[in-house]
Amino acid sequence: MEPVTFTSQELYKLVWEKPLTHIGKELGYSDNGIRKVCIKHNIPLPKAGYWSKLKYNKKVKKTPLPKSDNETKEINFNTDIEKKKGKLHTETSLLKQSIEENEKLTLTVSEKLLNPDPLIKSTKAYYKELKSASNRNNRNFYEERKGVLSISVSNSLFPRAIRFMDALIKLFKKRGHQIIANRETKIIISGEKYKIRLTEKHKRVKNTSSKYPEFELIPTGFLCLKFDNFYPDKEWTDTATKPIENKLSDILSWFEIRAEKDRIDRIEREIRQKIRDEERKKEEELKQLQDQEFSNFQTMFDTATRWHKSQYLRNYIKKFEAYAIKTNSLDKEKQDWIKWATEKADWYDPFIEKQDPLLDNIDRTTLTPKKTRYW
């Protein structure tokens, strides 16, 4: 299949017109692959709920293509789907094929434990001590599981389980991944952590010897690698035709694909969270500006109101004095009142605000007592 080429603008327009699953079917490319290409080239993708809103003709918001991006630069798609031996290869199968063709990787489990990984050594030592009768009742011993792999199998199956885990650990480490064991066994790929444990499959058999329990679990001798933080459960198990030792490439490819998907999802979540945080910050800054603006306006309005009222008082005092003079009733008592009233107008006037000890506890704007602070 010929590579598909888009400009940034064309790809941006396409991913906002159709869901990635539809585009993937048309181009012969996985939706996860298209998502990775978009992230790599800084092309925004629709957020969750975008397509359902569009379906019901609700208002949607498009994230614009960054202006700094070169809208005419070409993006080449090397398709992840190709035909080989009549089968359609998916992203996982292609990675598995690449792993199996890599001569530097060991995909077989040795019949004997040779040069075991340090985790295998510490795990063997732990389970050896566990068998000892002197440690069975030692609770502290069970707590100290650092460096011990999560393995739960019958004694007869333990040597095989150890050899399988040794091969698995070495394979993952060869690919640059980490395996840690501290109460739980975890694989770390590209910063993503996955809890695993190796168990033995059991079958339920009806207990005919006694009434209770009605059923008992009988070990089958089949190994099973479980991925614990995945729903529904993901596991690789022995089958009648294919032992788990032959599934190393399946396990590795599945985890690497999963880790890449989770890494991209995490990056997308972080980008969405960053956008939400920036939007929230802008909203808070705008709210602060709005509150400050209204506060400034309210102060100006209150001050203008006070000035207007102070002029009202002054006009009243002048009218009072003029009337007293006209009626020849301007005695000392009225003169003292005029002086007192003028001082109060000066106290109230925002341009003067003359100090008045007797009114120190009164708010000039509300003309109510100031709130008392209790320390």
Protein backbone atom coordinates (compact mmCIF):
# COMPACT_ATOMS: atom_id res chain seq x y z
CA MET A 1 0.00 0.00 0.00
CA GLU A 2 1.38 3.40 -0.98
CA PRO A 3 2.17 5.83 1.88
CA VAL A 4 -0.50 8.48 2.47
CA THR A 5 0.64 12.12 2.64
CA PHE A 6 -1.13 15.10 4.21
CA THR A 7 -0.25 18.68 5.02
CA SER A 8 -0.76 19.73 8.66
CA GLN A 9 -3.83 21.73 7.64
CA GLU A 10 -5.32 18.80 5.69
CA LEU A 11 -4.78 16.33 8.54
CA TYR A 12 -6.17 18.83 11.07
CA LYS A 13 -9.29 19.28 8.93
CA LEU A 14 -9.70 15.50 8.52
CA VAL A 15 -9.50 14.58 12.23
CA TRP A 16 -12.14 17.19 13.07
CA GLU A 17 -14.47 15.92 10.31
CA LYS A 18 -14.35 12.18 11.08
CA PRO A 19 -13.61 9.98 14.13
CA LEU A 20 -10.16 8.36 14.14
CA THR A 21 -11.69 4.88 13.86
CA HIS A 22 -13.38 5.85 10.58
CA ILE A 23 -10.22 7.48 9.23
CA GLY A 24 -8.23 4.40 10.21
CA LYS A 25 -10.50 2.10 8.20
CA GLU A 26 -10.25 4.36 5.15
CA LEU A 27 -6.47 4.70 5.30
CA GLY A 28 -5.63 1.18 6.48
CA TYR A 29 -4.10 2.62 9.64
CA SER A 30 -4.88 2.06 13.32
CA ASP A 31 -6.70 4.84 15.16
CA ASN A 32 -3.96 4.73 17.80
CA GLY A 33 -1.36 5.19 15.06
CA ILE A 34 -3.18 8.24 13.70
CA ARG A 35 -3.40 9.65 17.24
CA LYS A 36 0.37 9.22 17.67
CA VAL A 37 1.07 11.00 14.39
CA CYS A 38 -1.18 13.92 15.39
CA ILE A 39 0.51 14.28 18.77
CA LYS A 40 3.94 14.08 17.15
CA HIS A 41 3.07 16.89 14.72
CA ASN A 42 1.23 19.01 17.32
CA ILE A 43 -2.19 18.62 15.67
CA PRO A 44 -5.09 19.09 18.15
CA LEU A 45 -7.65 16.29 18.46
CA PRO A 46 -11.34 16.50 19.45
CA LYS A 47 -12.03 16.05 23.16
CA ALA A 48 -14.27 13.37 24.64
CA GLY A 49 -17.93 14.01 23.87
CA TYR A 50 -17.19 16.03 20.71
CA TRP A 51 -18.76 13.55 18.28
CA SER A 52 -21.91 12.94 20.35
CA LYS A 53 -22.47 16.71 20.61
CA LEU A 54 -21.97 17.02 16.86
CA LYS A 55 -24.44 14.17 16.29
CA TYR A 56 -27.18 16.00 18.19
CA ASN A 57 -26.36 19.39 16.63
CA LYS A 58 -25.03 20.81 19.87
CA LYS A 59 -22.50 23.61 19.96
CA VAL A 60 -18.91 22.31 19.79
CA LYS A 61 -15.59 24.03 20.26
CA LYS A 62 -12.63 23.31 17.98
CA THR A 63 -9.09 23.69 19.24
CA PRO A 64 -7.31 25.75 16.55
CA LEU A 65 -4.19 24.49 14.82
CA PRO A 66 -1.22 26.30 16.44
CA LYS A 67 -0.21 29.29 14.34
CA SER A 68 3.45 28.49 14.84
CA ASP A 69 2.94 25.24 12.94
CA ASN A 70 3.85 25.09 9.28
CA GLU A 71 0.46 24.35 7.76
CA THR A 72 2.01 23.26 4.46
CA LYS A 73 4.57 20.78 5.82
CA GLU A 74 4.00 17.21 4.63
CA ILE A 75 3.18 14.33 6.99
CA ASN A 76 3.82 10.84 5.60
CA PHE A 77 1.83 7.87 6.86
CA ASN A 78 3.68 4.57 6.68
CA THR A 79 0.72 2.22 6.94
CA ASP A 80 0.68 -0.31 9.76
CA ILE A 81 -1.50 -2.69 7.80
CA GLU A 82 -0.03 -4.89 5.13
CA LYS A 83 -0.89 -8.24 3.58
CA LYS A 84 1.34 -11.23 4.13
CA LYS A 85 0.44 -14.87 3.59
CA GLY A 86 -3.16 -13.86 3.09
CA LYS A 87 -3.51 -12.40 6.60
CA LEU A 88 -4.21 -8.86 7.64
CA HIS A 89 -1.51 -7.72 10.07
CA THR A 90 -2.41 -5.42 12.92
CA GLU A 91 -0.10 -3.13 14.83
CA THR A 92 0.44 -5.80 17.50
CA SER A 93 1.20 -8.58 15.03
CA LEU A 94 3.67 -6.39 13.16
CA LEU A 95 5.48 -5.57 16.38
CA LYS A 96 5.46 -9.26 17.32
CA GLN A 97 6.96 -10.10 13.93
CA SER A 98 9.66 -7.46 14.46
CA ILE A 99 10.46 -8.91 17.89
CA GLU A 100 10.68 -12.46 16.55
CA GLU A 101 12.98 -11.34 13.72
CA ASN A 102 15.33 -9.56 16.16
CA GLU A 103 18.31 -11.91 16.55
CA LYS A 104 19.48 -10.06 19.68
CA LEU A 105 16.40 -11.19 21.62
CA THR A 106 16.09 -14.59 23.26
CA LEU A 107 12.54 -15.92 22.95
CA THR A 108 13.12 -19.39 24.36
CA VAL A 109 13.07 -20.67 27.93
CA SER A 110 16.10 -22.72 28.92
CA GLU A 111 15.66 -26.25 30.25
CA LYS A 112 18.09 -25.33 33.03
CA LEU A 113 18.40 -22.12 35.00
CA LEU A 114 21.58 -20.47 33.71
CA ASN A 115 23.00 -17.19 35.06
CA PRO A 116 19.67 -16.21 36.67
CA ASP A 117 18.58 -12.60 37.09
CA PRO A 118 19.11 -11.15 40.63
CA LEU A 119 15.31 -11.10 41.11
CA ILE A 120 15.20 -14.81 40.36
CA LYS A 121 17.95 -15.49 42.91
CA SER A 122 16.20 -13.53 45.65
CA THR A 123 12.85 -15.14 44.81
CA LYS A 124 14.31 -18.67 44.96
CA ALA A 125 15.96 -17.88 48.28
CA TYR A 126 12.70 -16.55 49.69
CA TYR A 127 10.61 -19.55 48.70
CA LYS A 128 13.31 -21.89 49.95
CA GLU A 129 13.11 -20.26 53.36
CA LEU A 130 9.33 -20.29 53.14
CA LYS A 131 9.36 -24.07 53.03
CA SER A 132 11.28 -24.21 56.25
CA ALA A 133 9.10 -25.11 59.20
CA SER A 134 10.98 -22.65 61.38
CA ASN A 135 9.70 -19.72 59.32
CA ARG A 136 6.10 -20.77 58.82
CA ASN A 137 4.93 -19.04 61.97
CA ASN A 138 7.23 -16.06 61.61
CA ARG A 139 4.91 -13.23 60.53
CA ASN A 140 7.76 -10.81 59.94
CA PHE A 141 9.18 -13.16 57.36
CA TYR A 142 6.03 -12.91 55.23
CA GLU A 143 6.19 -9.12 55.33
CA GLU A 144 9.73 -8.93 53.96
CA ARG A 145 8.99 -9.53 50.29
CA LYS A 146 11.29 -6.95 48.71
CA GLY A 147 12.97 -8.39 45.65
CA VAL A 148 10.55 -11.33 45.54
CA LEU A 149 8.52 -11.98 42.39
CA SER A 150 4.77 -12.64 42.64
CA ILE A 151 4.64 -16.38 41.98
CA SER A 152 1.90 -18.67 43.28
CA VAL A 153 2.28 -22.22 42.00
CA SER A 154 2.55 -25.74 43.41
CA ASN A 155 5.99 -27.01 44.45
CA SER A 156 6.28 -29.32 41.46
CA LEU A 157 5.65 -26.44 39.04
CA PHE A 158 7.95 -23.94 40.78
CA PRO A 159 11.22 -24.78 38.87
CA ARG A 160 9.46 -24.29 35.53
CA ALA A 161 7.82 -21.08 36.76
CA ILE A 162 11.21 -19.70 37.84
CA ARG A 163 12.79 -20.51 34.47
CA PHE A 164 9.91 -18.85 32.62
CA MET A 165 10.10 -15.70 34.76
CA ASP A 166 13.88 -15.56 34.29
CA ALA A 167 13.43 -15.61 30.49
CA LEU A 168 10.62 -13.02 30.69
CA ILE A 169 12.63 -10.63 32.88
CA LYS A 170 15.73 -10.87 30.70
CA LEU A 171 13.64 -10.28 27.55
CA PHE A 172 11.98 -7.17 28.97
CA LYS A 173 15.27 -5.80 30.28
CA LYS A 174 16.88 -6.40 26.89
CA ARG A 175 14.18 -4.12 25.42
CA GLY A 176 15.08 -1.40 27.95
CA HIS A 177 12.17 -2.02 30.32
CA GLN A 178 12.27 -2.44 34.09
CA ILE A 179 11.00 -5.17 36.40
CA ILE A 180 10.57 -4.30 40.07
CA ALA A 181 9.46 -6.54 42.92
CA ASN A 182 8.43 -5.01 46.23
CA ARG A 183 5.41 -6.89 47.58
CA GLU A 184 4.05 -6.63 44.01
CA THR A 185 5.77 -7.39 40.71
CA LYS A 186 5.60 -4.56 38.20
CA ILE A 187 6.77 -4.02 34.65
CA ILE A 188 7.74 -0.43 33.80
CA ILE A 189 7.61 0.58 30.12
CA SER A 190 7.99 4.22 29.06
CA GLY A 191 7.07 5.32 32.56
CA GLU A 192 3.89 3.19 32.62
CA LYS A 193 3.62 0.58 35.37
CA TYR A 194 1.83 -2.78 35.07
CA LYS A 195 1.32 -5.27 37.89
CA ILE A 196 1.81 -8.92 36.95
CA ARG A 197 1.83 -12.26 38.77
CA LEU A 198 2.49 -15.81 37.73
CA THR A 199 -0.06 -18.31 39.00
CA GLU A 200 -1.19 -21.85 38.42
CA LYS A 201 -4.58 -22.55 36.94
CA HIS A 202 -6.96 -24.51 39.16
CA LYS A 203 -10.12 -26.41 38.42
CA ARG A 204 -13.14 -26.74 40.65
CA VAL A 205 -13.85 -30.31 41.64
CA LYS A 206 -16.85 -31.42 43.66
CA ASN A 207 -15.85 -32.65 47.07
CA THR A 208 -17.40 -36.10 47.55
CA SER A 209 -15.64 -36.93 50.80
CA SER A 210 -17.50 -34.41 52.98
CA LYS A 211 -20.35 -31.94 52.83
CA TYR A 212 -18.18 -28.84 53.38
CA PRO A 213 -16.68 -27.39 51.34
CA GLU A 214 -18.86 -28.41 48.42
CA PHE A 215 -16.06 -27.76 45.89
CA GLU A 216 -12.30 -27.70 46.14
CA LEU A 217 -9.67 -26.20 43.82
CA ILE A 218 -7.26 -28.66 42.27
CA PRO A 219 -4.02 -27.42 40.61
CA THR A 220 -3.84 -28.25 36.90
CA GLY A 221 -0.13 -27.77 36.23
CA PHE A 222 -0.95 -24.97 33.74
CA LEU A 223 1.01 -21.73 34.18
CA CYS A 224 -0.84 -18.42 33.83
CA LEU A 225 0.68 -14.93 33.66
CA LYS A 226 -1.89 -12.38 34.84
CA PHE A 227 -1.97 -8.65 34.20
CA ASP A 228 -3.76 -7.39 37.30
CA ASN A 229 -4.57 -3.74 36.52
CA PHE A 230 -6.48 -4.43 33.34
CA TYR A 231 -10.23 -4.97 32.97
CA PRO A 232 -11.43 -7.32 31.70
CA ASP A 233 -8.68 -9.64 32.93
CA LYS A 234 -5.74 -10.12 30.58
CA GLU A 235 -3.75 -13.30 30.90
CA TRP A 236 -1.51 -15.70 29.01
CA THR A 237 -1.96 -19.36 29.84
CA ASP A 238 -0.65 -22.78 28.90
CA THR A 239 -2.87 -24.55 26.43
CA ALA A 240 -2.91 -28.13 25.24
CA THR A 241 -1.13 -27.11 22.03
CA LYS A 242 0.99 -24.11 23.11
CA PRO A 243 2.82 -23.71 26.43
CA ILE A 244 3.31 -20.24 27.89
CA GLU A 245 7.04 -20.48 27.11
CA ASN A 246 6.13 -20.05 23.43
CA LYS A 247 4.21 -16.83 24.12
CA LEU A 248 7.09 -14.54 25.11
CA SER A 249 6.81 -12.47 21.91
CA ASP A 250 3.02 -12.22 22.37
CA ILE A 251 3.46 -10.96 25.92
CA LEU A 252 6.20 -8.47 25.07
CA SER A 253 4.42 -7.03 22.02
CA TRP A 254 1.12 -6.70 23.89
CA PHE A 255 2.72 -4.80 26.77
CA GLU A 256 4.72 -2.51 24.48
CA ILE A 257 1.61 -1.62 22.44
CA ARG A 258 -0.38 -1.14 25.62
CA ALA A 259 2.33 1.04 27.18
CA GLU A 260 2.55 3.25 24.10
CA LYS A 261 -1.22 3.69 24.05
CA ASP A 262 -1.27 4.46 27.78
CA ARG A 263 1.64 6.88 27.38
CA ILE A 264 -0.19 8.76 24.64
CA ASP A 265 -3.40 8.73 26.68
CA ARG A 266 -1.46 10.10 29.66
CA ILE A 267 0.08 12.84 27.53
CA GLU A 268 -3.37 13.72 26.18
CA ARG A 269 -4.76 13.82 29.72
CA GLU A 270 -1.89 16.03 30.82
CA ILE A 271 -2.46 18.33 27.84
CA ARG A 272 -6.19 18.49 28.58
CA GLN A 273 -5.46 19.13 32.26
CA LYS A 274 -2.98 21.84 31.33
CA ILE A 275 -5.55 23.46 29.05
CA ARG A 276 -8.18 23.23 31.81
CA ASP A 277 -5.74 24.72 34.32
CA GLU A 278 -4.87 27.55 31.94
CA GLU A 279 -8.55 28.20 31.23
CA ARG A 280 -9.33 28.13 34.95
CA LYS A 281 -6.43 30.51 35.62
CA LYS A 282 -7.67 32.88 32.92
CA GLU A 283 -11.19 32.70 34.35
CA GLU A 284 -9.88 33.44 37.84
CA GLU A 285 -7.74 36.32 36.55
CA LEU A 286 -10.72 37.70 34.62
CA LYS A 287 -12.91 37.33 37.71
CA GLN A 288 -10.33 39.22 39.77
CA LEU A 289 -10.17 41.99 37.16
CA GLN A 290 -13.96 42.15 37.03
CA ASP A 291 -14.23 42.27 40.82
CA GLN A 292 -11.55 44.93 41.02
CA GLU A 293 -13.17 46.95 38.24
CA PHE A 294 -16.55 46.81 39.93
CA SER A 295 -14.98 47.65 43.28
CA ASN A 296 -13.28 50.70 41.74
CA PHE A 297 -16.54 51.76 40.12
CA GLN A 298 -18.47 51.24 43.35
CA THR A 299 -15.91 53.36 45.22
CA MET A 300 -16.19 56.10 42.60
CA PHE A 301 -19.99 55.94 42.71
CA ASP A 302 -20.04 56.06 46.52
CA THR A 303 -17.60 58.97 46.53
CA ALA A 304 -19.63 60.88 43.93
CA THR A 305 -22.78 60.19 45.96
CA ARG A 306 -21.11 61.51 49.10
CA TRP A 307 -19.92 64.63 47.31
CA HIS A 308 -23.40 65.23 45.91
CA LYS A 309 -24.93 64.81 49.39
CA SER A 310 -22.30 67.05 50.95
CA GLN A 311 -23.27 69.78 48.47
CA TYR A 312 -26.87 69.16 49.38
CA LEU A 313 -25.96 69.76 53.02
CA ARG A 314 -24.03 72.94 52.20
CA ASN A 315 -26.95 74.32 50.17
CA TYR A 316 -29.25 73.55 53.06
CA ILE A 317 -26.90 75.34 55.53
CA LYS A 318 -26.73 78.38 53.23
CA LYS A 319 -30.50 78.47 52.88
CA PHE A 320 -30.84 78.14 56.63
CA GLU A 321 -28.44 81.03 57.24
CA ALA A 322 -30.05 83.20 54.54
CA TYR A 323 -33.51 82.64 55.98
CA ALA A 324 -32.29 83.48 59.49
CA ILE A 325 -30.75 86.72 58.26
CA LYS A 326 -33.89 87.56 56.26
CA THR A 327 -36.12 87.02 59.28
CA ASN A 328 -33.65 88.79 61.58
CA SER A 329 -33.45 85.63 63.75
CA LEU A 330 -29.77 84.82 63.38
CA ASP A 331 -28.86 84.58 67.05
CA LYS A 332 -25.82 82.95 68.68
CA GLU A 333 -27.52 79.57 68.94
CA LYS A 334 -28.19 79.46 65.21
CA GLN A 335 -24.68 80.72 64.42
CA ASP A 336 -23.24 77.90 66.56
CA TRP A 337 -25.45 75.40 64.69
CA ILE A 338 -24.32 76.75 61.30
CA LYS A 339 -20.70 76.34 62.38
CA TRP A 340 -21.41 72.79 63.64
CA ALA A 341 -23.30 71.85 60.45
CA THR A 342 -20.51 73.21 58.24
CA GLU A 343 -17.96 71.09 60.11
CA LYS A 344 -20.13 68.00 59.61
CA ALA A 345 -20.44 68.77 55.88
CA ASP A 346 -16.63 69.07 55.78
CA TRP A 347 -16.37 65.72 57.59
CA TYR A 348 -18.69 64.09 55.04
CA ASP A 349 -17.25 65.82 51.91
CA PRO A 350 -14.92 63.28 50.15
CA PHE A 351 -12.64 66.10 49.03
CA ILE A 352 -12.11 67.36 52.59
CA GLU A 353 -12.90 64.57 55.06
CA LYS A 354 -12.24 66.73 58.07
CA GLN A 355 -11.40 64.74 61.18
CA ASP A 356 -14.07 64.55 63.86
CA PRO A 357 -13.17 62.53 67.00
CA LEU A 358 -16.82 62.01 67.82
CA LEU A 359 -17.46 60.41 64.42
CA ASP A 360 -14.33 58.25 64.19
CA ASN A 361 -16.37 55.10 64.59
CA ILE A 362 -18.78 56.00 61.76
CA ASP A 363 -18.26 54.88 58.14
CA ARG A 364 -18.67 57.96 55.93
CA THR A 365 -20.06 55.94 52.98
CA THR A 366 -22.72 53.93 54.80
CA LEU A 367 -23.19 56.27 57.78
CA THR A 368 -23.26 53.23 60.02
CA PRO A 369 -20.91 52.21 62.85
CA LYS A 370 -17.69 50.59 61.67
CA LYS A 371 -17.34 46.88 62.37
CA THR A 372 -15.41 46.21 65.55
CA ARG A 373 -12.40 43.89 65.23
CA TYR A 374 -11.91 41.30 67.90
CA TRP A 375 -8.33 40.15 68.21
